N, C-alpha and C. Protein backbone atom coordinates (compact mmCIF):
# COMPACT_ATOMS: atom_id res chain seq x y z
N MET A 1 -21.35 32.99 -2.96
CA MET A 1 -22.22 32.46 -3.99
C MET A 1 -21.50 32.55 -5.34
N LYS A 2 -21.47 31.45 -6.05
CA LYS A 2 -20.81 31.40 -7.33
C LYS A 2 -21.83 31.61 -8.45
N THR A 3 -21.53 32.48 -9.38
CA THR A 3 -22.41 32.70 -10.53
C THR A 3 -21.66 32.35 -11.80
N LYS A 4 -22.39 31.80 -12.74
CA LYS A 4 -21.80 31.44 -14.02
C LYS A 4 -22.09 32.55 -15.03
N ALA A 5 -21.12 32.83 -15.86
CA ALA A 5 -21.33 33.79 -16.93
C ALA A 5 -22.07 33.10 -18.07
N PHE A 6 -23.00 33.80 -18.64
CA PHE A 6 -23.77 33.26 -19.75
C PHE A 6 -23.43 34.06 -21.00
N ASP A 7 -22.92 33.39 -22.00
CA ASP A 7 -22.54 34.03 -23.25
C ASP A 7 -23.47 33.51 -24.35
N CYS A 8 -24.49 34.31 -24.68
CA CYS A 8 -25.49 33.83 -25.64
C CYS A 8 -24.91 33.69 -27.05
N VAL A 9 -23.94 34.52 -27.41
CA VAL A 9 -23.33 34.42 -28.74
C VAL A 9 -22.56 33.10 -28.85
N LYS A 10 -21.82 32.77 -27.81
CA LYS A 10 -21.08 31.50 -27.79
C LYS A 10 -22.04 30.32 -27.87
N MET A 11 -23.15 30.40 -27.14
CA MET A 11 -24.13 29.33 -27.14
C MET A 11 -24.75 29.17 -28.54
N LYS A 12 -25.09 30.29 -29.19
CA LYS A 12 -25.66 30.25 -30.54
C LYS A 12 -24.69 29.59 -31.51
N GLU A 13 -23.41 29.97 -31.43
CA GLU A 13 -22.40 29.41 -32.32
C GLU A 13 -22.24 27.91 -32.09
N GLU A 14 -22.27 27.48 -30.83
CA GLU A 14 -22.17 26.05 -30.52
C GLU A 14 -23.37 25.29 -31.07
N CYS A 15 -24.56 25.88 -30.95
CA CYS A 15 -25.78 25.25 -31.48
C CYS A 15 -25.72 25.15 -33.00
N GLN A 16 -25.25 26.21 -33.65
CA GLN A 16 -25.13 26.18 -35.11
C GLN A 16 -24.15 25.11 -35.56
N ARG A 17 -23.02 25.00 -34.87
CA ARG A 17 -22.04 23.96 -35.23
C ARG A 17 -22.64 22.56 -35.05
N ALA A 18 -23.39 22.38 -33.98
CA ALA A 18 -24.02 21.08 -33.73
C ALA A 18 -25.03 20.75 -34.84
N CYS A 19 -25.81 21.75 -35.27
CA CYS A 19 -26.78 21.53 -36.35
C CYS A 19 -26.07 21.24 -37.67
N GLU A 20 -25.02 21.98 -37.95
CA GLU A 20 -24.26 21.73 -39.18
C GLU A 20 -23.72 20.31 -39.20
N LYS A 21 -23.22 19.86 -38.07
CA LYS A 21 -22.66 18.51 -37.97
C LYS A 21 -23.77 17.46 -38.12
N ARG A 22 -24.90 17.70 -37.44
CA ARG A 22 -26.00 16.73 -37.44
C ARG A 22 -26.61 16.54 -38.84
N TYR A 23 -26.73 17.64 -39.59
CA TYR A 23 -27.39 17.57 -40.89
C TYR A 23 -26.43 17.62 -42.08
N ALA A 24 -25.14 17.44 -41.83
CA ALA A 24 -24.13 17.47 -42.89
C ALA A 24 -24.39 16.35 -43.89
N GLY A 25 -24.20 16.67 -45.14
CA GLY A 25 -24.33 15.66 -46.20
C GLY A 25 -25.74 15.44 -46.70
N LEU A 26 -26.72 16.11 -46.12
CA LEU A 26 -28.10 15.95 -46.58
C LEU A 26 -28.44 17.04 -47.59
N SER A 27 -29.31 16.69 -48.53
CA SER A 27 -29.78 17.71 -49.48
C SER A 27 -30.69 18.67 -48.73
N PHE A 28 -31.02 19.79 -49.36
CA PHE A 28 -31.87 20.79 -48.71
C PHE A 28 -33.20 20.18 -48.29
N GLU A 29 -33.84 19.41 -49.18
CA GLU A 29 -35.13 18.80 -48.87
C GLU A 29 -35.02 17.79 -47.74
N GLU A 30 -33.96 16.98 -47.77
CA GLU A 30 -33.74 15.99 -46.70
C GLU A 30 -33.50 16.69 -45.36
N ARG A 31 -32.74 17.77 -45.41
CA ARG A 31 -32.45 18.53 -44.19
C ARG A 31 -33.73 19.12 -43.61
N GLN A 32 -34.58 19.69 -44.45
CA GLN A 32 -35.86 20.24 -43.98
C GLN A 32 -36.71 19.16 -43.33
N LYS A 33 -36.80 18.02 -43.98
CA LYS A 33 -37.63 16.91 -43.46
C LYS A 33 -37.08 16.42 -42.12
N LYS A 34 -35.78 16.23 -42.03
CA LYS A 34 -35.16 15.75 -40.79
C LYS A 34 -35.34 16.76 -39.66
N MET A 35 -35.19 18.06 -39.98
CA MET A 35 -35.36 19.09 -38.96
C MET A 35 -36.79 19.10 -38.43
N GLU A 36 -37.76 18.97 -39.35
CA GLU A 36 -39.16 18.93 -38.91
C GLU A 36 -39.42 17.71 -38.04
N GLU A 37 -38.88 16.56 -38.41
CA GLU A 37 -39.04 15.34 -37.60
C GLU A 37 -38.45 15.56 -36.21
N ASP A 38 -37.28 16.19 -36.14
CA ASP A 38 -36.63 16.44 -34.86
C ASP A 38 -37.45 17.40 -33.99
N ILE A 39 -38.00 18.43 -34.62
CA ILE A 39 -38.83 19.39 -33.88
C ILE A 39 -40.08 18.70 -33.34
N LEU A 40 -40.76 17.90 -34.18
CA LEU A 40 -41.97 17.22 -33.76
C LEU A 40 -41.71 16.21 -32.65
N ALA A 41 -40.50 15.65 -32.60
CA ALA A 41 -40.15 14.68 -31.57
C ALA A 41 -39.82 15.35 -30.23
N SER A 42 -39.58 16.65 -30.26
CA SER A 42 -39.21 17.39 -29.05
C SER A 42 -40.43 17.58 -28.14
N PRO A 43 -40.30 17.26 -26.85
CA PRO A 43 -41.42 17.47 -25.94
C PRO A 43 -41.74 18.95 -25.73
N ILE A 44 -40.79 19.81 -25.97
CA ILE A 44 -41.01 21.24 -25.77
C ILE A 44 -41.49 21.90 -27.06
N LEU A 45 -40.79 21.67 -28.16
CA LEU A 45 -41.10 22.34 -29.42
C LEU A 45 -42.22 21.67 -30.21
N GLY A 46 -42.37 20.37 -30.06
CA GLY A 46 -43.32 19.62 -30.88
C GLY A 46 -44.74 20.14 -30.82
N ASP A 47 -45.26 20.33 -29.62
CA ASP A 47 -46.64 20.79 -29.46
C ASP A 47 -46.81 22.19 -30.02
N PHE A 48 -45.86 23.08 -29.73
CA PHE A 48 -45.92 24.45 -30.25
C PHE A 48 -45.92 24.43 -31.77
N TYR A 49 -45.03 23.64 -32.37
CA TYR A 49 -44.93 23.57 -33.84
C TYR A 49 -46.23 23.06 -34.45
N ARG A 50 -46.80 22.02 -33.85
CA ARG A 50 -48.05 21.46 -34.38
C ARG A 50 -49.17 22.50 -34.34
N ARG A 51 -49.29 23.20 -33.21
CA ARG A 51 -50.36 24.20 -33.06
C ARG A 51 -50.16 25.39 -33.98
N THR A 52 -48.92 25.76 -34.25
CA THR A 52 -48.65 26.98 -34.97
C THR A 52 -48.49 26.79 -36.47
N PHE A 53 -47.85 25.73 -36.89
CA PHE A 53 -47.48 25.60 -38.30
C PHE A 53 -48.15 24.47 -39.06
N LYS A 54 -48.68 23.48 -38.39
CA LYS A 54 -49.28 22.36 -39.10
C LYS A 54 -50.72 22.69 -39.49
N PRO A 55 -51.18 22.20 -40.65
CA PRO A 55 -52.57 22.45 -41.07
C PRO A 55 -53.55 21.96 -40.00
N GLY A 56 -54.52 22.80 -39.70
CA GLY A 56 -55.51 22.44 -38.70
C GLY A 56 -55.08 22.73 -37.29
N GLY A 57 -53.84 23.19 -37.12
CA GLY A 57 -53.36 23.51 -35.78
C GLY A 57 -53.86 24.87 -35.34
N LEU A 58 -53.57 25.23 -34.12
CA LEU A 58 -53.94 26.53 -33.59
C LEU A 58 -52.69 27.32 -33.29
N ASP A 59 -52.70 28.61 -33.57
CA ASP A 59 -51.56 29.44 -33.21
C ASP A 59 -51.64 29.78 -31.73
N ALA A 60 -50.70 30.54 -31.23
CA ALA A 60 -50.63 30.86 -29.81
C ALA A 60 -51.87 31.60 -29.33
N ALA A 61 -52.55 32.34 -30.20
CA ALA A 61 -53.75 33.09 -29.81
C ALA A 61 -55.01 32.23 -29.91
N GLY A 62 -54.87 30.97 -30.29
CA GLY A 62 -56.01 30.08 -30.38
C GLY A 62 -56.76 30.17 -31.69
N LYS A 63 -56.19 30.81 -32.69
CA LYS A 63 -56.82 30.89 -34.00
C LYS A 63 -56.29 29.76 -34.87
N PRO A 64 -57.11 29.26 -35.79
CA PRO A 64 -56.59 28.23 -36.70
C PRO A 64 -55.38 28.75 -37.45
N ALA A 65 -54.35 27.92 -37.57
CA ALA A 65 -53.11 28.34 -38.23
C ALA A 65 -53.35 28.79 -39.66
N ALA A 66 -54.29 28.17 -40.36
CA ALA A 66 -54.57 28.55 -41.74
C ALA A 66 -55.08 29.98 -41.82
N VAL A 67 -55.90 30.39 -40.85
CA VAL A 67 -56.43 31.75 -40.82
C VAL A 67 -55.30 32.74 -40.58
N VAL A 68 -54.39 32.40 -39.67
CA VAL A 68 -53.26 33.26 -39.37
C VAL A 68 -52.37 33.39 -40.60
N ALA A 69 -52.10 32.29 -41.29
CA ALA A 69 -51.26 32.32 -42.49
C ALA A 69 -51.93 33.12 -43.59
N GLU A 70 -53.24 32.93 -43.75
CA GLU A 70 -53.99 33.67 -44.77
C GLU A 70 -53.93 35.17 -44.50
N ALA A 71 -54.09 35.56 -43.27
CA ALA A 71 -54.06 36.96 -42.90
C ALA A 71 -52.70 37.57 -43.20
N GLY A 72 -51.64 36.80 -43.02
CA GLY A 72 -50.29 37.30 -43.26
C GLY A 72 -49.96 37.47 -44.72
N THR A 73 -50.59 36.69 -45.60
CA THR A 73 -50.24 36.76 -47.02
C THR A 73 -50.71 38.04 -47.66
N GLY A 74 -51.79 38.62 -47.17
CA GLY A 74 -52.31 39.82 -47.79
C GLY A 74 -51.86 41.10 -47.11
N TYR A 75 -50.96 41.00 -46.18
CA TYR A 75 -50.53 42.17 -45.42
C TYR A 75 -50.00 43.26 -46.34
N GLY A 76 -50.62 44.41 -46.30
CA GLY A 76 -50.17 45.55 -47.09
C GLY A 76 -50.61 45.50 -48.55
N ALA A 77 -51.37 44.47 -48.94
CA ALA A 77 -51.77 44.33 -50.35
C ALA A 77 -52.65 45.50 -50.79
N LYS A 78 -53.57 45.93 -49.92
CA LYS A 78 -54.46 47.04 -50.28
C LYS A 78 -53.67 48.32 -50.49
N GLU A 79 -52.69 48.54 -49.61
CA GLU A 79 -51.88 49.76 -49.73
C GLU A 79 -51.03 49.74 -51.01
N ARG A 80 -50.52 48.57 -51.38
CA ARG A 80 -49.70 48.46 -52.60
C ARG A 80 -50.54 48.64 -53.85
N ALA A 81 -51.83 48.26 -53.79
CA ALA A 81 -52.70 48.33 -54.96
C ALA A 81 -53.08 49.77 -55.29
N LYS A 82 -52.98 50.67 -54.31
CA LYS A 82 -53.36 52.08 -54.53
C LYS A 82 -52.40 52.80 -55.43
């Protein structure tokens, strides 16, 4: 039985190079917009992104994304105020 070695660091570096090449020459705002379009077009990532990050979406626990984001903004605020 033949097994292939999996090198996650090599894979990450290859993915980063591919992203750098794909989005080269774009401004920061253009790059953000293009990346979001690419994520939304993905059959795997698109649904997850919509549920988790888009307004009105649901996070993985089934809570509205806005509620999850709101809860995260005040994390530790009470402790810092003391």
